[in-house]
PDB file of all heavy atoms in Angstrom:
ATOM      1  N   ARG A   1     157.717 222.327 138.665  1.00  0.00           N
ATOM      2  CA  ARG A   1     156.888 223.305 137.956  1.00  0.00           C
ATOM      3  C   ARG A   1     155.409 223.001 138.152  1.00  0.00           C
ATOM      4  O   ARG A   1     154.998 221.837 138.107  1.00  0.00           O
ATOM      5  CB  ARG A   1     157.206 223.296 136.465  1.00  0.00           C
ATOM      6  CG  ARG A   1     158.588 223.832 136.156  1.00  0.00           C
ATOM      7  CD  ARG A   1     158.813 223.909 134.661  1.00  0.00           C
ATOM      8  NE  ARG A   1     157.790 224.670 133.970  1.00  0.00           N
ATOM      9  CZ  ARG A   1     157.853 225.978 133.717  1.00  0.00           C
ATOM     10  NH1 ARG A   1     158.892 226.662 134.104  1.00  0.00           N
ATOM     11  NH2 ARG A   1     156.879 226.585 133.072  1.00  0.00           N
ATOM     12  N   PRO A   2     154.590 224.017 138.372  1.00  0.00           N
ATOM     13  CA  PRO A   2     153.143 223.791 138.467  1.00  0.00           C
ATOM     14  C   PRO A   2     152.636 223.160 137.170  1.00  0.00           C
ATOM     15  O   PRO A   2     153.066 223.529 136.085  1.00  0.00           O
ATOM     16  CB  PRO A   2     152.569 225.193 138.651  1.00  0.00           C
ATOM     17  CG  PRO A   2     153.707 226.028 139.123  1.00  0.00           C
ATOM     18  CD  PRO A   2     154.953 225.417 138.558  1.00  0.00           C
ATOM     19  N   GLY A   3     151.766 222.214 137.313  1.00  0.00           N
ATOM     20  CA  GLY A   3     151.182 221.568 136.136  1.00  0.00           C
ATOM     21  C   GLY A   3     152.029 220.453 135.558  1.00  0.00           C
ATOM     22  O   GLY A   3     151.673 219.878 134.532  1.00  0.00           O
ATOM     23  N   PHE A   4     153.168 220.138 136.201  1.00  0.00           N
ATOM     24  CA  PHE A   4     153.981 219.030 135.703  1.00  0.00           C
ATOM     25  C   PHE A   4     153.131 217.763 135.741  1.00  0.00           C
ATOM     26  O   PHE A   4     152.520 217.451 136.762  1.00  0.00           O
ATOM     27  CB  PHE A   4     155.241 218.851 136.555  1.00  0.00           C
ATOM     28  CG  PHE A   4     156.134 217.738 136.075  1.00  0.00           C
ATOM     29  CD1 PHE A   4     157.012 217.952 135.030  1.00  0.00           C
ATOM     30  CD2 PHE A   4     156.085 216.488 136.664  1.00  0.00           C
ATOM     31  CE1 PHE A   4     157.841 216.933 134.575  1.00  0.00           C
ATOM     32  CE2 PHE A   4     156.907 215.460 136.225  1.00  0.00           C
ATOM     33  CZ  PHE A   4     157.785 215.682 135.176  1.00  0.00           C
ATOM     34  N   PRO A   5     153.054 217.027 134.636  1.00  0.00           N
ATOM     35  CA  PRO A   5     152.193 215.831 134.610  1.00  0.00           C
ATOM     36  C   PRO A   5     152.756 214.709 135.481  1.00  0.00           C
ATOM     37  O   PRO A   5     153.904 214.308 135.310  1.00  0.00           O
ATOM     38  CB  PRO A   5     152.180 215.437 133.135  1.00  0.00           C
ATOM     39  CG  PRO A   5     153.422 216.030 132.565  1.00  0.00           C
ATOM     40  CD  PRO A   5     153.728 217.252 133.371  1.00  0.00           C
ATOM     41  N   THR A   6     151.952 214.265 136.427  1.00  0.00           N
ATOM     42  CA  THR A   6     152.409 213.207 137.328  1.00  0.00           C
ATOM     43  C   THR A   6     151.763 211.862 137.035  1.00  0.00           C
ATOM     44  O   THR A   6     152.285 210.831 137.457  1.00  0.00           O
ATOM     45  CB  THR A   6     152.137 213.592 138.785  1.00  0.00           C
ATOM     46  OG1 THR A   6     150.737 213.879 138.938  1.00  0.00           O
ATOM     47  CG2 THR A   6     152.951 214.803 139.207  1.00  0.00           C
ATOM     48  N   ALA A   7     150.641 211.864 136.341  1.00  0.00           N
ATOM     49  CA  ALA A   7     149.978 210.600 135.999  1.00  0.00           C
ATOM     50  C   ALA A   7     150.905 209.768 135.121  1.00  0.00           C
ATOM     51  O   ALA A   7     151.515 210.272 134.190  1.00  0.00           O
ATOM     52  CB  ALA A   7     148.662 210.865 135.282  1.00  0.00           C
ATOM     53  N   GLY A   8     151.046 208.520 135.478  1.00  0.00           N
ATOM     54  CA  GLY A   8     151.874 207.612 134.703  1.00  0.00           C
ATOM     55  C   GLY A   8     153.311 207.492 135.189  1.00  0.00           C
ATOM     56  O   GLY A   8     154.066 206.665 134.681  1.00  0.00           O
ATOM     57  N   LEU A   9     153.692 208.304 136.175  1.00  0.00           N
ATOM     58  CA  LEU A   9     155.073 208.235 136.657  1.00  0.00           C
ATOM     59  C   LEU A   9     155.382 206.889 137.319  1.00  0.00           C
ATOM     60  O   LEU A   9     156.502 206.386 137.200  1.00  0.00           O
ATOM     61  CB  LEU A   9     155.362 209.365 137.633  1.00  0.00           C
ATOM     62  CG  LEU A   9     155.450 210.770 137.038  1.00  0.00           C
ATOM     63  CD1 LEU A   9     155.641 211.804 138.149  1.00  0.00           C
ATOM     64  CD2 LEU A   9     156.570 210.867 136.021  1.00  0.00           C
ATOM     65  N   ALA A  10     154.411 206.302 137.999  1.00  0.00           N
ATOM     66  CA  ALA A  10     154.646 205.015 138.661  1.00  0.00           C
ATOM     67  C   ALA A  10     154.938 203.934 137.635  1.00  0.00           C
ATOM     68  O   ALA A  10     155.882 203.154 137.793  1.00  0.00           O
ATOM     69  CB  ALA A  10     153.451 204.628 139.522  1.00  0.00           C
ATOM     70  N   ALA A  11     154.142 203.889 136.580  1.00  0.00           N
ATOM     71  CA  ALA A  11     154.356 202.881 135.539  1.00  0.00           C
ATOM     72  C   ALA A  11     155.688 203.099 134.834  1.00  0.00           C
ATOM     73  O   ALA A  11     156.387 202.146 134.480  1.00  0.00           O
ATOM     74  CB  ALA A  11     153.212 202.915 134.533  1.00  0.00           C
ATOM     75  N   ARG A  12     156.037 204.341 134.667  1.00  0.00           N
ATOM     76  CA  ARG A  12     157.253 204.663 133.923  1.00  0.00           C
ATOM     77  C   ARG A  12     158.529 204.460 134.747  1.00  0.00           C
ATOM     78  O   ARG A  12     159.539 203.997 134.234  1.00  0.00           O
ATOM     79  CB  ARG A  12     157.179 206.101 133.436  1.00  0.00           C
ATOM     80  CG  ARG A  12     158.306 206.478 132.541  1.00  0.00           C
ATOM     81  CD  ARG A  12     158.049 207.810 131.883  1.00  0.00           C
ATOM     82  NE  ARG A  12     159.091 208.094 130.936  1.00  0.00           N
ATOM     83  CZ  ARG A  12     159.103 209.130 130.136  1.00  0.00           C
ATOM     84  NH1 ARG A  12     158.092 209.977 130.153  1.00  0.00           N
ATOM     85  NH2 ARG A  12     160.088 209.343 129.313  1.00  0.00           N
ATOM     86  N   PHE A  13     158.485 204.814 136.035  1.00  0.00           N
ATOM     87  CA  PHE A  13     159.713 204.820 136.827  1.00  0.00           C
ATOM     88  C   PHE A  13     159.716 203.890 138.042  1.00  0.00           C
ATOM     89  O   PHE A  13     160.735 203.790 138.730  1.00  0.00           O
ATOM     90  CB  PHE A  13     160.004 206.244 137.310  1.00  0.00           C
ATOM     91  CG  PHE A  13     160.261 207.206 136.201  1.00  0.00           C
ATOM     92  CD1 PHE A  13     159.409 208.285 136.000  1.00  0.00           C
ATOM     93  CD2 PHE A  13     161.335 207.055 135.349  1.00  0.00           C
ATOM     94  CE1 PHE A  13     159.642 209.194 134.984  1.00  0.00           C
ATOM     95  CE2 PHE A  13     161.582 207.948 134.320  1.00  0.00           C
ATOM     96  CZ  PHE A  13     160.729 209.030 134.140  1.00  0.00           C
ATOM     97  N   GLY A  14     158.619 203.230 138.346  1.00  0.00           N
ATOM     98  CA  GLY A  14     158.533 202.402 139.549  1.00  0.00           C
ATOM     99  C   GLY A  14     159.566 201.305 139.640  1.00  0.00           C
ATOM    100  O   GLY A  14     159.972 200.923 140.733  1.00  0.00           O
ATOM    101  N   ASP A  15     160.022 200.800 138.510  1.00  0.00           N
ATOM    102  CA  ASP A  15     161.007 199.714 138.497  1.00  0.00           C
ATOM    103  C   ASP A  15     162.375 200.168 138.006  1.00  0.00           C
ATOM    104  O   ASP A  15     163.228 199.347 137.702  1.00  0.00           O
ATOM    105  CB  ASP A  15     160.504 198.562 137.616  1.00  0.00           C
ATOM    106  CG  ASP A  15     159.278 197.897 138.207  1.00  0.00           C
ATOM    107  OD1 ASP A  15     159.255 197.685 139.434  1.00  0.00           O
ATOM    108  OD2 ASP A  15     158.342 197.587 137.452  1.00  0.00           O
ATOM    109  N   SER A  16     162.595 201.454 137.951  1.00  0.00           N
ATOM    110  CA  SER A  16     163.864 201.982 137.461  1.00  0.00           C
ATOM    111  C   SER A  16     165.016 201.574 138.386  1.00  0.00           C
ATOM    112  O   SER A  16     164.852 201.536 139.607  1.00  0.00           O
ATOM    113  CB  SER A  16     163.801 203.512 137.385  1.00  0.00           C
ATOM    114  OG  SER A  16     165.070 204.045 137.074  1.00  0.00           O
ATOM    115  N   PRO A  17     166.190 201.326 137.825  1.00  0.00           N
ATOM    116  CA  PRO A  17     167.344 201.047 138.681  1.00  0.00           C
ATOM    117  C   PRO A  17     167.844 202.305 139.407  1.00  0.00           C
ATOM    118  O   PRO A  17     168.578 202.205 140.386  1.00  0.00           O
ATOM    119  CB  PRO A  17     168.406 200.524 137.712  1.00  0.00           C
ATOM    120  CG  PRO A  17     167.977 200.967 136.363  1.00  0.00           C
ATOM    121  CD  PRO A  17     166.490 201.151 136.407  1.00  0.00           C
ATOM    122  N   ASP A  18     167.405 203.474 138.968  1.00  0.00           N
ATOM    123  CA  ASP A  18     167.828 204.744 139.550  1.00  0.00           C
ATOM    124  C   ASP A  18     166.865 205.138 140.681  1.00  0.00           C
ATOM    125  O   ASP A  18     165.672 205.352 140.452  1.00  0.00           O
ATOM    126  CB  ASP A  18     167.832 205.817 138.467  1.00  0.00           C
ATOM    127  CG  ASP A  18     168.251 207.190 138.958  1.00  0.00           C
ATOM    128  OD1 ASP A  18     168.469 207.364 140.178  1.00  0.00           O
ATOM    129  OD2 ASP A  18     168.349 208.098 138.117  1.00  0.00           O
ATOM    130  N   PRO A  19     167.349 205.260 141.927  1.00  0.00           N
ATOM    131  CA  PRO A  19     166.447 205.593 143.040  1.00  0.00           C
ATOM    132  C   PRO A  19     165.759 206.947 142.882  1.00  0.00           C
ATOM    133  O   PRO A  19     164.623 207.114 143.327  1.00  0.00           O
ATOM    134  CB  PRO A  19     167.348 205.571 144.273  1.00  0.00           C
ATOM    135  CG  PRO A  19     168.741 205.599 143.772  1.00  0.00           C
ATOM    136  CD  PRO A  19     168.727 205.080 142.370  1.00  0.00           C
ATOM    137  N   GLU A  20     166.408 207.905 142.263  1.00  0.00           N
ATOM    138  CA  GLU A  20     165.762 209.207 142.034  1.00  0.00           C
ATOM    139  C   GLU A  20     164.541 209.039 141.139  1.00  0.00           C
ATOM    140  O   GLU A  20     163.508 209.670 141.364  1.00  0.00           O
ATOM    141  CB  GLU A  20     166.745 210.204 141.412  1.00  0.00           C
ATOM    142  CG  GLU A  20     167.840 210.661 142.355  1.00  0.00           C
ATOM    143  CD  GLU A  20     167.316 211.411 143.565  1.00  0.00           C
ATOM    144  OE1 GLU A  20     166.364 212.195 143.432  1.00  0.00           O
ATOM    145  OE2 GLU A  20     167.866 211.196 144.658  1.00  0.00           O
ATOM    146  N   ARG A  21     164.641 208.207 140.152  1.00  0.00           N
ATOM    147  CA  ARG A  21     163.491 207.953 139.264  1.00  0.00           C
ATOM    148  C   ARG A  21     162.416 207.157 139.986  1.00  0.00           C
ATOM    149  O   ARG A  21     161.229 207.394 139.781  1.00  0.00           O
ATOM    150  CB  ARG A  21     163.955 207.257 137.999  1.00  0.00           C
ATOM    151  CG  ARG A  21     164.757 208.181 137.116  1.00  0.00           C
ATOM    152  CD  ARG A  21     165.139 207.545 135.828  1.00  0.00           C
ATOM    153  NE  ARG A  21     165.899 208.499 135.029  1.00  0.00           N
ATOM    154  CZ  ARG A  21     166.288 208.278 133.806  1.00  0.00           C
ATOM    155  NH1 ARG A  21     165.999 207.146 133.209  1.00  0.00           N
ATOM    156  NH2 ARG A  21     166.967 209.191 133.158  1.00  0.00           N
ATOM    157  N   ARG A  22     162.821 206.186 140.823  1.00  0.00           N
ATOM    158  CA  ARG A  22     161.813 205.437 141.595  1.00  0.00           C
ATOM    159  C   ARG A  22     161.040 206.380 142.505  1.00  0.00           C
ATOM    160  O   ARG A  22     159.839 206.219 142.691  1.00  0.00           O
ATOM    161  CB  ARG A  22     162.474 204.313 142.404  1.00  0.00           C
ATOM    162  CG  ARG A  22     162.924 203.149 141.546  1.00  0.00           C
ATOM    163  CD  ARG A  22     163.237 201.916 142.362  1.00  0.00           C
ATOM    164  NE  ARG A  22     164.198 202.092 143.427  1.00  0.00           N
ATOM    165  CZ  ARG A  22     165.524 202.072 143.290  1.00  0.00           C
ATOM    166  NH1 ARG A  22     166.070 201.893 142.101  1.00  0.00           N
ATOM    167  NH2 ARG A  22     166.308 202.214 144.353  1.00  0.00           N
ATOM    168  N   ARG A  23     161.719 207.398 143.061  1.00  0.00           N
ATOM    169  CA  ARG A  23     161.026 208.373 143.914  1.00  0.00           C
ATOM    170  C   ARG A  23     159.967 209.145 143.133  1.00  0.00           C
ATOM    171  O   ARG A  23     158.966 209.578 143.693  1.00  0.00           O
ATOM    172  CB  ARG A  23     162.034 209.333 144.538  1.00  0.00           C
ATOM    173  CG  ARG A  23     162.731 208.767 145.726  1.00  0.00           C
ATOM    174  CD  ARG A  23     163.587 209.805 146.442  1.00  0.00           C
ATOM    175  NE  ARG A  23     164.563 209.133 147.248  1.00  0.00           N
ATOM    176  CZ  ARG A  23     165.803 208.836 146.856  1.00  0.00           C
ATOM    177  NH1 ARG A  23     166.243 209.205 145.684  1.00  0.00           N
ATOM    178  NH2 ARG A  23     166.611 208.197 147.657  1.00  0.00           N
ATOM    179  N   LEU A  24     160.196 209.337 141.840  1.00  0.00           N
ATOM    180  CA  LEU A  24     159.188 210.022 141.015  1.00  0.00           C
ATOM    181  C   LEU A  24     157.865 209.258 141.011  1.00  0.00           C
ATOM    182  O   LEU A  24     156.801 209.864 140.897  1.00  0.00           O
ATOM    183  CB  LEU A  24     159.693 210.194 139.581  1.00  0.00           C
ATOM    184  CG  LEU A  24     160.769 211.237 139.360  1.00  0.00           C
ATOM    185  CD1 LEU A  24     161.263 211.177 137.913  1.00  0.00           C
ATOM    186  CD2 LEU A  24     160.262 212.623 139.692  1.00  0.00           C
ATOM    187  N   ALA A  25     157.931 207.946 141.128  1.00  0.00           N
ATOM    188  CA  ALA A  25     156.709 207.128 141.149  1.00  0.00           C
ATOM    189  C   ALA A  25     155.777 207.556 142.286  1.00  0.00           C
ATOM    190  O   ALA A  25     154.553 207.458 142.165  1.00  0.00           O
ATOM    191  CB  ALA A  25     157.059 205.653 141.269  1.00  0.00           C
ATOM    192  N   LEU A  26     156.347 208.062 143.380  1.00  0.00           N
ATOM    193  CA  LEU A  26     155.537 208.488 144.526  1.00  0.00           C
ATOM    194  C   LEU A  26     154.670 209.700 144.203  1.00  0.00           C
ATOM    195  O   LEU A  26     153.693 209.963 144.898  1.00  0.00           O
ATOM    196  CB  LEU A  26     156.438 208.804 145.721  1.00  0.00           C
ATOM    197  CG  LEU A  26     157.185 207.610 146.303  1.00  0.00           C
ATOM    198  CD1 LEU A  26     158.286 208.074 147.240  1.00  0.00           C
ATOM    199  CD2 LEU A  26     156.218 206.677 147.007  1.00  0.00           C
ATOM    200  N   ARG A  27     154.986 210.426 143.150  1.00  0.00           N
ATOM    201  CA  ARG A  27     154.196 211.598 142.760  1.00  0.00           C
ATOM    202  C   ARG A  27     152.954 211.223 141.946  1.00  0.00           C
ATOM    203  O   ARG A  27     152.094 212.067 141.730  1.00  0.00           O
ATOM    204  CB  ARG A  27     155.057 212.559 141.944  1.00  0.00           C
ATOM    205  CG  ARG A  27     156.180 213.167 142.747  1.00  0.00           C
ATOM    206  CD  ARG A  27     157.032 214.053 141.854  1.00  0.00           C
ATOM    207  NE  ARG A  27     158.012 214.774 142.621  1.00  0.00           N
ATOM    208  CZ  ARG A  27     157.838 216.002 143.094  1.00  0.00           C
ATOM    209  NH1 ARG A  27     156.729 216.657 142.855  1.00  0.00           N
ATOM    210  NH2 ARG A  27     158.782 216.582 143.788  1.00  0.00           N
ATOM    211  N   ASP A  28     152.882 209.981 141.512  1.00  0.00           N
ATOM    212  CA  ASP A  28     151.769 209.543 140.672  1.00  0.00           C
ATOM    213  C   ASP A  28     150.504 209.403 141.517  1.00  0.00           C
ATOM    214  O   ASP A  28     150.489 208.647 142.491  1.00  0.00           O
ATOM    215  CB  ASP A  28     152.114 208.204 140.017  1.00  0.00           C
ATOM    216  CG  ASP A  28     151.135 207.789 138.937  1.00  0.00           C
ATOM    217  OD1 ASP A  28     149.939 208.155 139.014  1.00  0.00           O
ATOM    218  OD2 ASP A  28     151.562 207.102 137.998  1.00  0.00           O
ATOM    219  N   PRO A  29     149.432 210.115 141.162  1.00  0.00           N
ATOM    220  CA  PRO A  29     148.193 210.009 141.953  1.00  0.00           C
ATOM    221  C   PRO A  29     147.549 208.629 141.878  1.00  0.00           C
ATOM    222  O   PRO A  29     146.722 208.294 142.718  1.00  0.00           O
ATOM    223  CB  PRO A  29     147.281 211.084 141.343  1.00  0.00           C
ATOM    224  CG  PRO A  29     147.828 211.333 139.988  1.00  0.00           C
ATOM    225  CD  PRO A  29     149.300 211.045 140.049  1.00  0.00           C
ATOM    226  N   GLU A  30     147.952 207.830 140.920  1.00  0.00           N
ATOM    227  CA  GLU A  30     147.380 206.490 140.771  1.00  0.00           C
ATOM    228  C   GLU A  30     148.376 205.399 141.151  1.00  0.00           C
ATOM    229  O   GLU A  30     148.251 204.254 140.718  1.00  0.00           O
ATOM    230  CB  GLU A  30     146.881 206.312 139.342  1.00  0.00           C
ATOM    231  CG  GLU A  30     145.750 207.275 139.015  1.00  0.00           C
ATOM    232  CD  GLU A  30     145.271 207.179 137.589  1.00  0.00           C
ATOM    233  OE1 GLU A  30     145.617 206.215 136.897  1.00  0.00           O
ATOM    234  OE2 GLU A  30     144.539 208.092 137.171  1.00  0.00           O
ATOM    235  N   LEU A  31     149.330 205.745 141.984  1.00  0.00           N
ATOM    236  CA  LEU A  31     150.322 204.782 142.457  1.00  0.00           C
ATOM    237  C   LEU A  31     149.616 203.597 143.100  1.00  0.00           C
ATOM    238  O   LEU A  31     148.757 203.774 143.978  1.00  0.00           O
ATOM    239  CB  LEU A  31     151.234 205.460 143.476  1.00  0.00           C
ATOM    240  CG  LEU A  31     152.282 204.599 144.164  1.00  0.00           C
ATOM    241  CD1 LEU A  31     153.340 204.139 143.167  1.00  0.00           C
ATOM    242  CD2 LEU A  31     152.928 205.389 145.281  1.00  0.00           C
ATOM    243  N   GLU A  32     149.955 202.399 142.660  1.00  0.00           N
ATOM    244  CA  GLU A  32     149.307 201.199 143.197  1.00  0.00           C
ATOM    245  C   GLU A  32     149.858 200.867 144.582  1.00  0.00           C
ATOM    246  O   GLU A  32     151.047 201.057 144.845  1.00  0.00           O
ATOM    247  CB  GLU A  32     149.504 200.029 142.245  1.00  0.00           C
ATOM    248  CG  GLU A  32     148.777 200.230 140.922  1.00  0.00           C
ATOM    249  CD  GLU A  32     148.862 199.019 140.023  1.00  0.00           C
ATOM    250  OE1 GLU A  32     149.386 197.977 140.444  1.00  0.00           O
ATOM    251  OE2 GLU A  32     148.380 199.144 138.881  1.00  0.00           O
ATOM    252  N   PRO A  33     149.001 200.372 145.464  1.00  0.00           N
ATOM    253  CA  PRO A  33     149.437 200.059 146.833  1.00  0.00           C
ATOM    254  C   PRO A  33     150.624 199.094 146.896  1.00  0.00           C
ATOM    255  O   PRO A  33     151.484 199.232 147.751  1.00  0.00           O
ATOM    256  CB  PRO A  33     148.197 199.440 147.484  1.00  0.00           C
ATOM    257  CG  PRO A  33     147.051 199.929 146.670  1.00  0.00           C
ATOM    258  CD  PRO A  33     147.576 200.128 145.269  1.00  0.00           C
ATOM    259  N   GLN A  34     150.680 198.145 145.973  1.00  0.00           N
ATOM    260  CA  GLN A  34     151.783 197.176 145.987  1.00  0.00           C
ATOM    261  C   GLN A  34     153.120 197.859 145.720  1.00  0.00           C
ATOM    262  O   GLN A  34     154.131 197.537 146.343  1.00  0.00           O
ATOM    263  CB  GLN A  34     151.565 196.069 144.935  1.00  0.00           C
ATOM    264  CG  GLN A  34     150.327 195.244 145.169  1.00  0.00           C
ATOM    265  CD  GLN A  34     149.068 195.871 144.550  1.00  0.00           C
ATOM    266  OE1 GLN A  34     149.058 196.993 144.046  1.00  0.00           O
ATOM    267  NE2 GLN A  34     147.977 195.137 144.612  1.00  0.00           N
ATOM    268  N   LEU A  35     153.121 198.805 144.776  1.00  0.00           N
ATOM    269  CA  LEU A  35     154.361 199.517 144.476  1.00  0.00           C
ATOM    270  C   LEU A  35     154.740 200.421 145.648  1.00  0.00           C
ATOM    271  O   LEU A  35     155.911 200.492 146.033  1.00  0.00           O
ATOM    272  CB  LEU A  35     154.239 200.332 143.183  1.00  0.00           C
ATOM    273  CG  LEU A  35     155.466 201.158 142.807  1.00  0.00           C
ATOM    274  CD1 LEU A  35     156.727 200.296 142.728  1.00  0.00           C
ATOM    275  CD2 LEU A  35     155.225 201.878 141.482  1.00  0.00           C
ATOM    276  N   LEU A  36     153.773 201.083 146.239  1.00  0.00           N
ATOM    277  CA  LEU A  36     154.055 201.931 147.400  1.00  0.00           C
ATOM    278  C   LEU A  36     154.670 201.090 148.518  1.00  0.00           C
ATOM    279  O   LEU A  36     155.674 201.471 149.110  1.00  0.00           O
ATOM    280  CB  LEU A  36     152.784 202.630 147.884  1.00  0.00           C
ATOM    281  CG  LEU A  36     152.918 203.494 149.130  1.00  0.00           C
ATOM    282  CD1 LEU A  36     153.993 204.559 148.972  1.00  0.00           C
ATOM    283  CD2 LEU A  36     151.574 204.131 149.461  1.00  0.00           C
ATOM    284  N   ASP A  37     154.101 199.925 148.778  1.00  0.00           N
ATOM    285  CA  ASP A  37     154.647 199.040 149.801  1.00  0.00           C
ATOM    286  C   ASP A  37     156.077 198.640 149.451  1.00  0.00           C
ATOM    287  O   ASP A  37     156.961 198.653 150.313  1.00  0.00           O
ATOM    288  CB  ASP A  37     153.766 197.799 149.956  1.00  0.00           C
ATOM    289  CG  ASP A  37     154.275 196.895 151.059  1.00  0.00           C
ATOM    290  OD1 ASP A  37     154.109 197.251 152.242  1.00  0.00           O
ATOM    291  OD2 ASP A  37     154.865 195.841 150.737  1.00  0.00           O
ATOM    292  N   ARG A  38     156.312 198.303 148.205  1.00  0.00           N
ATOM    293  CA  ARG A  38     157.661 197.911 147.781  1.00  0.00           C
ATOM    294  C   ARG A  38     158.656 199.064 147.967  1.00  0.00           C
ATOM    295  O   ARG A  38     159.789 198.843 148.391  1.00  0.00           O
ATOM    296  CB  ARG A  38     157.644 197.439 146.323  1.00  0.00           C
ATOM    297  CG  ARG A  38     158.913 196.710 145.944  1.00  0.00           C
ATOM    298  CD  ARG A  38     158.813 196.047 144.606  1.00  0.00           C
ATOM    299  NE  ARG A  38     158.960 197.074 143.585  1.00  0.00           N
ATOM    300  CZ  ARG A  38     158.256 197.137 142.474  1.00  0.00           C
ATOM    301  NH1 ARG A  38     157.333 196.242 142.208  1.00  0.00           N
ATOM    302  NH2 ARG A  38     158.465 198.104 141.605  1.00  0.00           N
ATOM    303  N   LEU A  39     158.227 200.278 147.679  1.00  0.00           N
ATOM    304  CA  LEU A  39     159.112 201.427 147.850  1.00  0.00           C
ATOM    305  C   LEU A  39     159.438 201.674 149.323  1.00  0.00           C
ATOM    306  O   LEU A  39     160.500 202.202 149.645  1.00  0.00           O
ATOM    307  CB  LEU A  39     158.503 202.668 147.201  1.00  0.00           C
ATOM    308  CG  LEU A  39     158.415 202.619 145.670  1.00  0.00           C
ATOM    309  CD1 LEU A  39     157.612 203.799 145.142  1.00  0.00           C
ATOM    310  CD2 LEU A  39     159.789 202.560 145.025  1.00  0.00           C
ATOM    311  N   THR A  40     158.546 201.269 150.242  1.00  0.00           N
ATOM    312  CA  THR A  40     158.850 201.412 151.670  1.00  0.00           C
ATOM    313  C   THR A  40     159.859 200.378 152.129  1.00  0.00           C
ATOM    314  O   THR A  40     160.435 200.515 153.208  1.00  0.00           O
ATOM    315  CB  THR A  40     157.594 201.299 152.569  1.00  0.00           C
ATOM    316  OG1 THR A  40     157.089 199.968 152.526  1.00  0.00           O
ATOM    317  CG2 THR A  40     156.551 202.314 152.214  1.00  0.00           C
TER     318      THR A  40
END
């Protein structure tokens, strides 16, 4: 949906055991480089 809030998704889902939720972290505009590297 347009306007869906993406800020904070990395903090909320970056360490989730669910891969679908971890993918949500990639939508966070403030995703930290370390987490992005870990997701790769």
